[in-house]
């Protein structure tokens, strides 16, 4: 399964939504380019008039005046071209920044089940190759297209005003260009779509091979993975070669098409001047217009080509937002903090359930541990209880309101999920903490760090909370990064916290110390701890034992040990391994 593609009309509508906040800047940019194009159009007309004056041998002072005017027009054109280029860069950066933010926001709000079904390759391709291709179009292409269209329209209009017969001769370029470009696009667009899909496939294989390198090496899968990459690269090579051949044909046709108007104007002029149908100055003016058209028409053809490949990328980028939401906010407010699961089943893929009719009530203020073998459904149940997934059947409610009926702010006010995965963003430690609470004070951040046992090492840093971390800056250890992630959760202050093996990246002593610190901060809150270290279960008020997507035992540590069931077997095995390690 791949993520959807947005239809062209949707992509155009979404692109305009990105542009609309800066439409005033776009209007100023168009006005500036009109002035620049107007100055360029005046120059050939004046030069043609000067040629006629010189040929007639009259108006010496007027010729000098006109040449000075030409110099002024060239300077005006240069100044306004520079201003237009500057404004176009500002406009492009603003629009691209908005587009990139929108994509990141959309990706981070995708239903996880959709991401897992589609795979990482397609998503990586859209956030890397596609966004890079669109970047050039947004930053330079939109403004350049505006400039080129205005210049071409003004030039053709001026040529027709100066001499309709000669001006019509310039249209011969369009007679050849339009059908050639249509022929090209009919074949190029499917090629660009195939290229984007192939790059996404390669990205997925490489990313999975790197992330699971230990498994690949352990199972001696290197030849298989390398062969898969080589196969995909061969496919990319074939499609790229085909598209390159199409571009070579297009460029050849462009060169021929753009030379023809110049030759035709000269031939028509050579025929018409002796017969008194036109003048040398008029022919000179229209010939200069023909030369002026070569660059904008050639560049326009390039942008039309690039626009097609970018249109494919835009449809892929905006297609991410076409993924249907897995929830809809009802506006209802929870009556209390009671979280309950009733008949909860879940399928990541149709026909492959990982949870089967789970019933569970969380007692407000208790610490509940969920244990079981790998693949038992512990993490999936945790995501259900945190409102990350809507159940395939059944319901999970807080205060009798389904979790998936709450908007994100409401959901985070009630329950938060923290997993073993973490991320340190580029910025200061304070910036990383304020992601959870933008208005957090220094005292609040210090308190949250103390709660997770991180304040001591943060305080010892030269710049403390203002220390730069992330890529290219201070590298935090996995346990320190996880502490920062947990401190963010403390700042968000939910009444229920789901810890999905949140301390698994720490050594046992650090993990236990962290959990004790959390216990002090979370006193009176509901805590669901999903872990394979059973000392967490030992300290919990209740324990849920899962196997094959079902709850098979519920009780306290002592009760379950006395019952001598699944948990007792896990406890004996873990205690033995812990004693011998």
Protein backbone atom coordinates (compact mmCIF):
# COMPACT_ATOMS: atom_id res chain seq x y z
CA UNK A 1 0.00 0.00 0.00
CA UNK A 2 1.24 3.50 -0.86
CA UNK A 3 0.09 6.82 0.50
CA UNK A 4 -2.41 8.53 -1.82
CA UNK A 5 -1.70 11.14 -4.50
CA UNK A 6 -3.60 14.41 -4.46
CA UNK A 7 -5.52 15.18 -7.69
CA UNK A 8 -4.15 18.12 -9.70
CA UNK A 9 -7.01 20.41 -8.74
CA UNK A 10 -6.43 19.65 -5.05
CA UNK A 11 -2.67 20.22 -5.39
CA UNK A 12 -3.29 23.58 -7.10
CA UNK A 13 -5.81 24.56 -4.42
CA UNK A 14 -3.39 23.62 -1.61
CA UNK A 15 -0.51 25.45 -3.28
CA UNK A 16 -2.63 28.58 -3.51
CA UNK A 17 -3.44 28.17 0.18
CA UNK A 18 0.31 28.28 0.83
CA UNK A 19 0.69 31.38 -1.36
CA UNK A 20 -2.42 33.31 -0.23
CA UNK A 21 -0.96 34.80 3.00
CA UNK A 22 1.71 36.52 0.84
CA UNK A 23 -0.52 37.47 -2.08
CA UNK A 24 0.24 41.15 -1.43
CA UNK A 25 3.93 40.41 -1.85
CA UNK A 26 3.15 38.50 -5.04
CA UNK A 27 1.20 41.51 -6.34
CA UNK A 28 4.15 43.84 -5.65
CA UNK A 29 6.47 41.32 -7.32
CA UNK A 30 4.28 41.24 -10.44
CA UNK A 31 4.15 45.05 -10.53
CA UNK A 32 7.95 45.29 -10.27
CA UNK A 33 8.38 42.74 -13.06
CA UNK A 34 5.91 44.62 -15.26
CA UNK A 35 8.04 47.74 -14.90
CA UNK A 36 11.23 45.78 -15.66
CA UNK A 37 9.62 44.11 -18.69
CA UNK A 38 8.25 47.45 -19.90
CA UNK A 39 11.71 49.01 -19.77
CA UNK A 40 13.11 46.09 -21.74
CA UNK A 41 10.38 46.42 -24.37
CA UNK A 42 11.03 50.13 -24.90
CA UNK A 43 14.73 49.62 -25.75
CA UNK A 44 14.30 47.74 -29.09
CA UNK A 45 11.60 50.19 -30.23
CA UNK A 46 13.85 53.18 -29.51
CA UNK A 47 16.82 51.54 -31.21
CA UNK A 48 14.72 50.78 -34.29
CA UNK A 49 13.58 54.41 -34.41
CA UNK A 50 17.20 55.53 -34.08
CA UNK A 51 18.17 53.31 -37.04
CA UNK A 52 15.54 55.00 -39.21
CA UNK A 53 16.71 58.48 -38.09
CA UNK A 54 20.33 57.67 -38.92
CA UNK A 55 19.36 56.24 -42.29
CA UNK A 56 17.45 59.43 -43.10
CA UNK A 57 20.46 61.48 -41.93
CA UNK A 58 18.39 63.74 -39.67
CA UNK A 59 17.72 64.43 -36.00
CA UNK A 60 21.28 64.21 -34.62
CA UNK A 61 20.30 65.78 -31.30
CA UNK A 62 17.22 63.57 -31.12
CA UNK A 63 19.36 60.47 -31.72
CA UNK A 64 21.67 61.42 -28.84
CA UNK A 65 18.64 62.05 -26.62
CA UNK A 66 17.13 58.70 -27.53
CA UNK A 67 20.40 56.88 -26.86
CA UNK A 68 20.55 58.50 -23.43
CA UNK A 69 16.96 57.38 -22.89
CA UNK A 70 17.98 53.83 -23.87
CA UNK A 71 20.75 53.93 -21.26
CA UNK A 72 18.26 55.10 -18.64
CA UNK A 73 15.81 52.33 -19.62
CA UNK A 74 18.56 49.72 -19.30
CA UNK A 75 19.44 51.02 -15.82
CA UNK A 76 15.78 51.03 -14.79
CA UNK A 77 15.40 47.47 -16.07
CA UNK A 78 18.51 46.37 -14.15
CA UNK A 79 17.34 47.99 -10.91
CA UNK A 80 13.83 46.55 -11.12
CA UNK A 81 15.16 43.13 -12.15
CA UNK A 82 17.36 43.15 -9.05
CA UNK A 83 14.44 44.25 -6.89
CA UNK A 84 12.24 41.59 -8.48
CA UNK A 85 14.85 38.89 -7.84
CA UNK A 86 15.12 39.97 -4.19
CA UNK A 87 11.36 40.00 -3.68
CA UNK A 88 11.01 36.65 -5.44
CA UNK A 89 13.52 35.07 -3.04
CA UNK A 90 11.67 36.51 -0.02
CA UNK A 91 8.35 35.33 -1.45
CA UNK A 92 9.73 31.86 -2.22
CA UNK A 93 11.27 31.41 1.22
CA UNK A 94 8.02 32.35 2.93
CA UNK A 95 5.91 30.01 0.82
CA UNK A 96 8.38 27.12 1.09
CA UNK A 97 8.66 27.56 4.86
CA UNK A 98 4.88 27.35 5.08
CA UNK A 99 4.81 24.30 2.82
CA UNK A 100 7.50 22.52 4.84
CA UNK A 101 5.78 23.30 8.14
CA UNK A 102 2.47 22.05 6.75
CA UNK A 103 4.09 18.80 5.59
CA UNK A 104 5.79 18.17 8.94
CA UNK A 105 2.53 18.90 10.78
CA UNK A 106 0.61 16.55 8.47
CA UNK A 107 3.18 13.75 8.75
CA UNK A 108 3.29 13.93 12.54
CA UNK A 109 -0.50 13.64 12.68
CA UNK A 110 -0.84 10.67 10.33
CA UNK A 111 -2.61 7.63 11.77
CA UNK A 112 0.18 5.30 12.84
CA UNK A 113 -1.59 2.32 11.31
CA UNK A 114 -1.44 4.05 7.93
CA UNK A 115 2.29 4.72 8.28
CA UNK A 116 2.99 1.13 9.27
CA UNK A 117 0.95 -0.21 6.34
CA UNK A 118 2.49 2.14 3.76
CA UNK A 119 6.04 1.58 4.99
CA UNK A 120 8.82 4.10 5.56
CA UNK A 121 10.11 4.32 1.98
CA UNK A 122 7.13 6.17 0.51
CA UNK A 123 7.03 8.64 3.38
CA UNK A 124 10.80 9.22 3.24
CA UNK A 125 10.59 9.84 -0.50
CA UNK A 126 7.91 12.49 -0.03
CA UNK A 127 9.78 14.26 2.76
CA UNK A 128 13.17 14.16 1.01
CA UNK A 129 13.29 13.84 -2.81
CA UNK A 130 9.86 15.38 -3.40
CA UNK A 131 10.29 18.27 -0.98
CA UNK A 132 13.77 19.00 -2.43
CA UNK A 133 12.36 19.09 -5.96
CA UNK A 134 9.54 21.39 -4.97
CA UNK A 135 11.92 23.62 -3.00
CA UNK A 136 13.54 24.97 -6.20
CA UNK A 137 10.16 25.54 -7.82
CA UNK A 138 8.80 27.45 -4.82
CA UNK A 139 11.90 29.52 -4.14
CA UNK A 140 12.70 30.45 -7.75
CA UNK A 141 10.20 28.93 -10.15
CA UNK A 142 6.99 30.72 -9.20
CA UNK A 143 8.54 34.16 -9.51
CA UNK A 144 10.50 33.25 -12.66
CA UNK A 145 7.37 31.90 -14.32
CA UNK A 146 5.64 35.17 -13.51
CA UNK A 147 8.52 37.16 -15.01
CA UNK A 148 8.70 35.00 -18.13
CA UNK A 149 4.97 35.12 -18.86
CA UNK A 150 4.87 38.90 -18.43
CA UNK A 151 7.96 39.36 -20.63
CA UNK A 152 6.62 37.12 -23.40
CA UNK A 153 3.20 38.78 -23.43
CA UNK A 154 4.72 42.28 -23.49
CA UNK A 155 7.22 41.37 -26.21
CA UNK A 156 4.64 39.79 -28.51
CA UNK A 157 2.27 42.70 -27.93
CA UNK A 158 4.98 45.27 -28.70
CA UNK A 159 6.02 43.40 -31.87
CA UNK A 160 2.41 43.31 -33.12
CA UNK A 161 1.99 47.04 -32.41
CA UNK A 162 5.21 47.96 -34.23
CA UNK A 163 4.42 45.80 -37.27
CA UNK A 164 1.53 43.32 -37.36
CA UNK A 165 2.94 41.29 -40.31
CA UNK A 166 6.39 40.99 -38.75
CA UNK A 167 4.89 40.46 -35.30
CA UNK A 168 2.87 37.54 -36.62
CA UNK A 169 6.12 36.03 -37.90
CA UNK A 170 7.24 35.65 -34.29
CA UNK A 171 4.30 33.34 -33.60
CA UNK A 172 5.93 30.63 -35.71
CA UNK A 173 7.92 29.67 -32.61
CA UNK A 174 4.71 28.80 -30.79
CA UNK A 175 3.43 26.80 -33.76
CA UNK A 176 6.32 24.37 -33.32
CA UNK A 177 6.82 24.64 -29.55
CA UNK A 178 3.27 23.93 -28.37
CA UNK A 179 2.79 20.52 -30.10
CA UNK A 180 6.38 19.53 -29.21
CA UNK A 181 5.85 20.33 -25.54
CA UNK A 182 2.51 18.51 -25.52
CA UNK A 183 4.16 15.44 -27.07
CA UNK A 184 6.89 15.63 -24.46
CA UNK A 185 4.62 16.06 -21.44
CA UNK A 186 2.42 13.15 -22.49
CA UNK A 187 5.46 10.88 -22.08
CA UNK A 188 7.41 12.71 -19.37
CA UNK A 189 4.78 12.88 -16.63
CA UNK A 190 4.44 9.06 -16.26
CA UNK A 191 8.26 8.87 -16.27
CA UNK A 192 8.49 11.38 -13.41
CA UNK A 193 5.88 9.46 -11.44
CA UNK A 194 7.85 6.24 -11.94
CA UNK A 195 11.09 7.96 -10.87
CA UNK A 196 9.51 9.28 -7.64
CA UNK A 197 8.09 5.86 -6.80
CA UNK A 198 11.44 4.18 -7.52
CA UNK A 199 13.36 6.57 -5.29
CA UNK A 200 10.82 5.94 -2.53
CA UNK A 201 11.40 2.19 -2.90
CA UNK A 202 15.20 2.61 -2.69
CA UNK A 203 14.87 4.90 0.34
CA UNK A 204 12.74 2.31 2.10
CA UNK A 205 15.14 -0.59 1.46
CA UNK A 206 18.22 1.41 2.51
CA UNK A 207 16.53 2.84 5.61
CA UNK A 208 15.26 -0.56 6.73
CA UNK A 209 18.66 -2.17 6.11
CA UNK A 210 20.42 0.47 8.21
CA UNK A 211 17.90 0.43 11.05
CA UNK A 212 17.90 -3.37 11.19
CA UNK A 213 21.59 -3.82 10.38
CA UNK A 214 22.11 -6.19 13.30
CA UNK A 215 19.34 -8.49 12.05
CA UNK A 216 20.61 -8.28 8.45
CA UNK A 217 24.11 -9.25 9.58
CA UNK A 218 22.92 -11.99 11.94
CA UNK A 219 20.84 -13.66 9.23
CA UNK A 220 23.44 -13.04 6.48
CA UNK A 221 20.92 -11.04 4.47
CA UNK A 222 23.50 -8.63 3.01
CA UNK A 223 23.44 -10.19 -0.49
CA UNK A 224 19.63 -10.12 -0.53
CA UNK A 225 19.41 -6.47 0.55
CA UNK A 226 22.20 -5.39 -1.83
CA UNK A 227 20.51 -7.23 -4.69
CA UNK A 228 17.24 -5.46 -3.86
CA UNK A 229 18.94 -2.04 -3.93
CA UNK A 230 20.72 -2.86 -7.20
CA UNK A 231 17.46 -3.97 -8.79
CA UNK A 232 15.75 -0.74 -7.78
CA UNK A 233 18.73 1.35 -8.95
CA UNK A 234 18.63 -0.38 -12.34
CA UNK A 235 14.97 0.56 -12.63
CA UNK A 236 15.79 4.17 -11.73
CA UNK A 237 18.60 4.16 -14.32
CA UNK A 238 16.27 2.94 -17.08
CA UNK A 239 13.58 5.50 -16.31
CA UNK A 240 16.10 8.34 -15.87
CA UNK A 241 17.72 7.43 -19.19
CA UNK A 242 14.34 7.46 -20.92
CA UNK A 243 13.43 10.85 -19.42
CA UNK A 244 16.87 12.22 -20.38
CA UNK A 245 16.27 11.15 -23.99
CA UNK A 246 12.95 12.96 -23.92
CA UNK A 247 14.64 16.11 -22.62
CA UNK A 248 17.33 15.96 -25.32
CA UNK A 249 14.63 15.80 -27.99
CA UNK A 250 12.79 18.69 -26.35
CA UNK A 251 15.91 20.89 -26.15
CA UNK A 252 16.73 20.24 -29.82
CA UNK A 253 13.21 21.22 -30.82
CA UNK A 254 13.46 24.36 -28.67
CA UNK A 255 16.69 25.51 -30.33
CA UNK A 256 15.22 25.05 -33.82
CA UNK A 257 11.90 26.68 -32.89
CA UNK A 258 13.55 29.75 -31.38
CA UNK A 259 15.86 30.37 -34.33
CA UNK A 260 13.08 30.23 -36.90
CA UNK A 261 11.34 33.54 -35.91
CA UNK A 262 14.64 35.45 -36.21
CA UNK A 263 15.32 34.07 -39.68
CA UNK A 264 11.73 34.57 -40.78
CA UNK A 265 11.64 38.22 -39.65
CA UNK A 266 14.88 38.96 -41.51
CA UNK A 267 13.59 37.25 -44.68
CA UNK A 268 10.24 39.04 -44.54
CA UNK A 269 12.02 42.32 -43.84
CA UNK A 270 14.45 41.81 -46.73
CA UNK A 271 11.46 41.25 -49.01
CA UNK A 272 9.38 44.14 -47.66
CA UNK A 273 11.96 46.95 -47.36
CA UNK A 274 12.63 47.35 -51.13
CA UNK A 275 8.89 47.36 -51.75
CA UNK A 276 8.28 50.09 -49.17
CA UNK A 277 6.15 47.84 -46.97
CA UNK A 278 8.35 48.36 -43.93
CA UNK A 279 11.48 50.18 -42.81
CA UNK A 280 14.91 49.04 -41.69
CA UNK A 281 14.21 50.42 -38.22
CA UNK A 282 11.00 48.43 -37.94
CA UNK A 283 12.76 45.25 -39.04
CA UNK A 284 15.55 45.97 -36.55
CA UNK A 285 13.03 46.45 -33.73
CA UNK A 286 11.11 43.24 -34.44
CA UNK A 287 14.37 41.29 -34.94
CA UNK A 288 15.54 42.48 -31.52
CA UNK A 289 12.19 41.37 -30.09
CA UNK A 290 12.73 37.99 -31.72
CA UNK A 291 16.13 37.74 -30.04
CA UNK A 292 14.60 38.86 -26.76
CA UNK A 293 12.01 36.10 -27.00
CA UNK A 294 14.62 33.35 -27.35
CA UNK A 295 15.67 33.43 -23.72
CA UNK A 296 12.23 33.68 -22.03
CA UNK A 297 10.68 31.08 -24.37
CA UNK A 298 13.59 28.69 -23.82
CA UNK A 299 13.54 29.19 -20.07
CA UNK A 300 9.75 28.90 -20.01
CA UNK A 301 10.03 25.50 -21.70
CA UNK A 302 12.53 24.44 -19.04
CA UNK A 303 10.15 25.57 -16.30
CA UNK A 304 7.23 23.80 -17.95
CA UNK A 305 9.31 20.62 -17.84
CA UNK A 306 10.33 21.24 -14.24
CA UNK A 307 6.78 22.19 -13.38
CA UNK A 308 5.59 18.75 -14.48
CA UNK A 309 8.07 16.91 -12.27
CA UNK A 310 7.28 19.30 -9.42
CA UNK A 311 3.56 18.80 -9.98
CA UNK A 312 4.09 15.08 -9.43
CA UNK A 313 6.00 15.88 -6.23
CA UNK A 314 3.32 18.33 -5.11
CA UNK A 315 0.62 15.72 -5.63
CA UNK A 316 2.68 13.32 -3.50
CA UNK A 317 3.33 15.93 -0.80
CA UNK A 318 -0.28 17.13 -0.60
CA UNK A 319 -1.41 13.52 -0.95
CA UNK A 320 -0.19 12.91 2.59
CA UNK A 321 -3.02 15.13 3.80
CA UNK A 322 -5.49 13.01 1.82
CA UNK A 323 -5.09 10.15 4.28
CA UNK A 324 -8.43 10.02 6.12
CA UNK A 325 -8.30 10.81 9.81
CA UNK A 326 -8.93 7.97 12.21
CA UNK A 327 -10.83 10.21 14.64
CA UNK A 328 -13.29 13.06 14.77
CA UNK A 329 -13.58 15.49 17.67
CA UNK A 330 -17.06 15.41 19.21
CA UNK A 331 -16.61 18.38 21.53
CA UNK A 332 -17.73 16.36 24.56
CA UNK A 333 -15.90 16.88 27.86
CA UNK A 334 -14.87 13.93 30.08
CA UNK A 335 -16.85 13.74 33.33
CA UNK A 336 -13.93 12.37 35.34
CA UNK A 337 -10.50 10.72 35.00
CA UNK A 338 -11.75 7.13 34.74
CA UNK A 339 -10.25 5.34 31.71
CA UNK A 340 -11.98 2.14 30.61
CA UNK A 341 -11.53 -0.30 27.74
CA UNK A 342 -14.48 -2.38 26.59
CA UNK A 343 -14.28 -5.18 24.02
CA UNK A 344 -11.17 -3.63 22.44
CA UNK A 345 -9.80 -5.35 19.35
CA UNK A 346 -7.27 -3.94 16.95
CA UNK A 347 -5.85 -4.83 13.54
CA UNK A 348 -2.83 -3.16 11.98
CA UNK A 349 -3.68 -5.06 8.81
CA UNK A 350 -7.16 -6.35 7.95
CA UNK A 351 -7.67 -9.92 9.07
CA UNK A 352 -4.62 -9.91 11.38
CA UNK A 353 -5.87 -8.88 14.85
CA UNK A 354 -3.28 -8.19 17.54
CA UNK A 355 -5.81 -7.53 20.33
CA UNK A 356 -8.87 -9.66 21.00
CA UNK A 357 -11.80 -8.28 23.03
CA UNK A 358 -9.79 -6.65 25.83
CA UNK A 359 -11.70 -5.33 28.86
CA UNK A 360 -9.84 -3.22 31.41
CA UNK A 361 -10.65 -0.46 33.91
CA UNK A 362 -7.91 1.81 35.22
CA UNK A 363 -8.41 2.83 38.81
CA UNK A 364 -7.62 6.55 39.15
CA UNK A 365 -4.35 7.05 41.02
CA UNK A 366 -3.10 3.46 40.67
CA UNK A 367 0.07 2.16 39.07
CA UNK A 368 -0.78 -0.61 36.64
CA UNK A 369 1.93 -2.75 35.07
CA UNK A 370 1.36 -4.58 31.78
CA UNK A 371 3.72 -7.52 31.23
CA UNK A 372 3.98 -10.44 28.86
CA UNK A 373 6.19 -11.96 26.19
CA UNK A 374 7.23 -10.07 23.05
CA UNK A 375 4.35 -9.79 20.59
CA UNK A 376 1.72 -10.22 23.29
CA UNK A 377 0.10 -6.86 22.40
CA UNK A 378 1.38 -4.83 25.37
CA UNK A 379 2.46 -1.80 23.34
CA UNK A 380 -0.69 -1.91 21.20
CA UNK A 381 -2.88 -1.91 24.30
CA UNK A 382 -0.83 0.99 25.66
CA UNK A 383 -1.53 2.94 22.49
CA UNK A 384 -5.22 2.17 22.84
CA UNK A 385 -5.20 3.45 26.42
CA UNK A 386 -3.33 6.59 25.31
CA UNK A 387 -5.79 7.30 22.48
CA UNK A 388 -3.14 6.91 19.78
CA UNK A 389 -5.20 4.40 17.76
CA UNK A 390 -8.95 4.05 17.48
CA UNK A 391 -9.89 0.44 18.24
CA UNK A 392 -10.98 -1.70 15.31
CA UNK A 393 -13.88 -2.69 17.54
CA UNK A 394 -14.85 -1.78 21.07
CA UNK A 395 -14.03 1.52 22.77
CA UNK A 396 -11.58 3.21 25.14
CA UNK A 397 -13.12 6.06 27.11
CA UNK A 398 -12.11 8.68 29.65
CA UNK A 399 -14.97 10.00 31.73
CA UNK A 400 -17.35 8.08 29.38
CA UNK A 401 -16.04 9.98 26.33
CA UNK A 402 -14.11 7.96 23.70
CA UNK A 403 -10.46 9.03 23.66
CA UNK A 404 -10.53 9.30 19.87
CA UNK A 405 -13.35 11.86 20.14
CA UNK A 406 -11.03 14.32 21.91
CA UNK A 407 -8.90 16.85 20.06
CA UNK A 408 -5.15 16.70 20.62
CA UNK A 409 -5.04 19.30 23.38
CA UNK A 410 -7.85 17.58 25.27
CA UNK A 411 -6.24 14.20 24.80
CA UNK A 412 -2.87 15.41 26.10
CA UNK A 413 -4.55 17.01 29.10
CA UNK A 414 -5.85 13.57 30.02
CA UNK A 415 -3.28 10.98 28.99
CA UNK A 416 0.23 10.92 27.54
CA UNK A 417 2.20 8.08 25.99
CA UNK A 418 5.99 7.99 26.32
CA UNK A 419 7.82 5.23 24.47
CA UNK A 420 11.36 3.87 24.45
CA UNK A 421 11.96 5.99 21.34
CA UNK A 422 13.08 9.56 21.90
CA UNK A 423 14.40 12.51 19.99
CA UNK A 424 16.57 15.47 20.90
CA UNK A 425 15.77 18.50 18.76
CA UNK A 426 18.43 20.99 17.67
CA UNK A 427 18.38 23.89 20.14
CA UNK A 428 18.90 24.44 23.82
CA UNK A 429 17.78 22.10 26.57
CA UNK A 430 15.22 24.76 27.48
CA UNK A 431 13.94 24.77 23.87
CA UNK A 432 13.51 21.00 24.03
CA UNK A 433 11.54 21.26 27.26
CA UNK A 434 9.35 24.13 26.05
CA UNK A 435 8.11 21.92 23.20
CA UNK A 436 5.80 20.48 25.84
CA UNK A 437 4.89 23.78 27.47
CA UNK A 438 5.88 26.90 25.56
CA UNK A 439 5.40 29.21 28.56
CA UNK A 440 7.33 27.03 31.03
CA UNK A 441 9.37 29.06 33.51
CA UNK A 442 12.92 28.27 34.59
CA UNK A 443 11.62 26.99 37.93
CA UNK A 444 9.12 24.70 36.21
CA UNK A 445 11.80 23.29 33.92
CA UNK A 446 14.16 22.76 36.85
CA UNK A 447 11.41 20.99 38.77
CA UNK A 448 10.65 18.69 35.83
CA UNK A 449 14.34 17.82 35.45
CA UNK A 450 14.66 17.15 39.17
CA UNK A 451 11.64 14.86 38.93
CA UNK A 452 13.42 12.62 36.44
CA UNK A 453 16.85 12.85 38.08
CA UNK A 454 18.37 15.01 35.34
CA UNK A 455 18.91 18.34 37.08
CA UNK A 456 22.30 17.41 38.56
CA UNK A 457 23.98 16.83 35.20
CA UNK A 458 22.17 19.73 33.53
CA UNK A 459 23.30 22.09 36.29
CA UNK A 460 26.91 21.00 35.80
CA UNK A 461 26.88 22.02 32.12
CA UNK A 462 28.63 25.31 31.38
CA UNK A 463 25.45 26.99 30.10
CA UNK A 464 22.91 24.90 32.03
CA UNK A 465 19.46 25.06 30.45
CA UNK A 466 20.86 27.21 27.65
CA UNK A 467 23.26 24.48 26.50
CA UNK A 468 22.95 23.77 22.78
CA UNK A 469 22.16 20.10 22.05
CA UNK A 470 21.29 18.05 18.99
CA UNK A 471 23.00 17.59 15.64
CA UNK A 472 26.41 19.30 15.60
CA UNK A 473 26.10 20.36 19.26
CA UNK A 474 26.40 18.55 22.58
CA UNK A 475 25.50 14.88 22.13
CA UNK A 476 23.41 13.52 24.98
CA UNK A 477 23.67 9.90 26.06
CA UNK A 478 20.59 7.72 25.40
CA UNK A 479 19.62 7.86 29.07
CA UNK A 480 20.02 11.66 29.18
CA UNK A 481 17.94 12.07 26.03
CA UNK A 482 15.25 9.84 27.53
CA UNK A 483 15.29 11.93 30.70
CA UNK A 484 14.68 15.08 28.64
CA UNK A 485 11.76 13.32 26.92
CA UNK A 486 10.31 12.29 30.28
CA UNK A 487 10.80 15.80 31.67
CA UNK A 488 8.63 17.08 28.81
CA UNK A 489 5.91 14.71 29.95
CA UNK A 490 6.16 16.03 33.50
CA UNK A 491 5.69 19.57 32.18
CA UNK A 492 2.56 18.54 30.28
CA UNK A 493 1.09 17.29 33.58
CA UNK A 494 -1.52 14.71 32.46
CA UNK A 495 -3.62 12.80 34.97
CA UNK A 496 -2.75 9.47 33.28
CA UNK A 497 0.64 8.44 31.98
CA UNK A 498 1.39 5.41 29.80
CA UNK A 499 5.06 4.37 29.92
CA UNK A 500 5.85 1.95 27.09
CA UNK A 501 9.20 0.51 28.20
CA UNK A 502 10.27 4.13 28.64
CA UNK A 503 13.41 3.26 30.60
CA UNK A 504 14.58 0.38 28.41
CA UNK A 505 17.54 2.36 27.03
CA UNK A 506 18.98 2.92 30.50
CA UNK A 507 21.03 0.60 32.65
CA UNK A 508 18.97 -1.09 35.40
CA UNK A 509 20.24 1.10 38.24
CA UNK A 510 19.56 4.35 36.34
CA UNK A 511 16.16 3.12 35.21
CA UNK A 512 15.09 2.20 38.70
CA UNK A 513 16.30 5.53 40.10
CA UNK A 514 14.36 7.36 37.38
CA UNK A 515 11.19 5.42 38.06
CA UNK A 516 11.46 6.20 41.76
CA UNK A 517 11.75 9.89 40.92
CA UNK A 518 8.75 9.63 38.65
CA UNK A 519 6.80 7.89 41.38
CA UNK A 520 7.25 10.94 43.62
CA UNK A 521 6.07 13.33 40.91
CA UNK A 522 3.19 11.14 39.71
CA UNK A 523 1.76 10.39 43.14
CA UNK A 524 -2.02 10.55 42.86
CA UNK A 525 -1.95 10.06 39.08
CA UNK A 526 -2.76 6.97 37.08
CA UNK A 527 0.34 5.28 35.70
CA UNK A 528 0.36 2.44 33.16
CA UNK A 529 3.84 0.92 32.90
CA UNK A 530 4.63 -1.43 30.03
CA UNK A 531 8.00 -3.10 30.66
CA UNK A 532 9.90 -6.34 30.47
CA UNK A 533 11.85 -5.58 33.67
CA UNK A 534 9.63 -7.17 36.25
CA UNK A 535 10.75 -5.05 39.19
CA UNK A 536 8.35 -2.46 37.71
CA UNK A 537 5.54 -5.01 38.05
CA UNK A 538 6.67 -5.90 41.58
CA UNK A 539 6.19 -2.27 42.68
CA UNK A 540 2.84 -1.79 40.87
CA UNK A 541 -0.58 -1.77 42.55
CA UNK A 542 -1.92 -4.14 39.91
CA UNK A 543 -0.43 -6.27 37.17
CA UNK A 544 -2.00 -7.20 33.82
CA UNK A 545 -0.48 -10.22 32.11
CA UNK A 546 -1.00 -10.42 28.34
CA UNK A 547 -0.52 -13.30 25.95
CA UNK A 548 -1.41 -13.44 22.24
CA UNK A 549 -3.39 -10.18 22.41
CA UNK A 550 -5.52 -11.21 25.41
CA UNK A 551 -5.45 -10.45 29.12
CA UNK A 552 -4.85 -13.76 30.86
CA UNK A 553 -4.22 -12.59 34.44
CA UNK A 554 -4.91 -9.54 36.60
CA UNK A 555 -3.84 -9.01 40.19
CA UNK A 556 -1.12 -7.78 42.53
CA UNK A 557 2.38 -9.24 42.51
CA UNK A 558 1.79 -11.38 45.57
CA UNK A 559 -1.60 -12.60 44.31
CA UNK A 560 -0.23 -13.64 40.94
CA UNK A 561 2.83 -15.36 42.40
CA UNK A 562 0.57 -17.38 44.72
CA UNK A 563 -1.69 -18.24 41.76
CA UNK A 564 1.34 -19.94 40.15
CA UNK A 565 0.18 -19.05 36.63
CA UNK A 566 1.72 -17.19 33.70
CA UNK A 567 3.06 -14.31 35.79
CA UNK A 568 4.62 -16.62 38.36
CA UNK A 569 6.49 -18.40 35.55
CA UNK A 570 7.70 -15.06 34.16
CA UNK A 571 8.77 -13.96 37.65
CA UNK A 572 10.75 -17.12 38.33
CA UNK A 573 12.48 -16.89 34.95
CA UNK A 574 13.30 -13.19 35.34
CA UNK A 575 14.45 -13.60 38.95
CA UNK A 576 16.82 -16.41 37.91
CA UNK A 577 18.23 -14.43 34.98
CA UNK A 578 18.59 -11.31 37.14
CA UNK A 579 20.42 -13.26 39.88
CA UNK A 580 22.84 -14.90 37.44
CA UNK A 581 23.56 -11.77 35.36
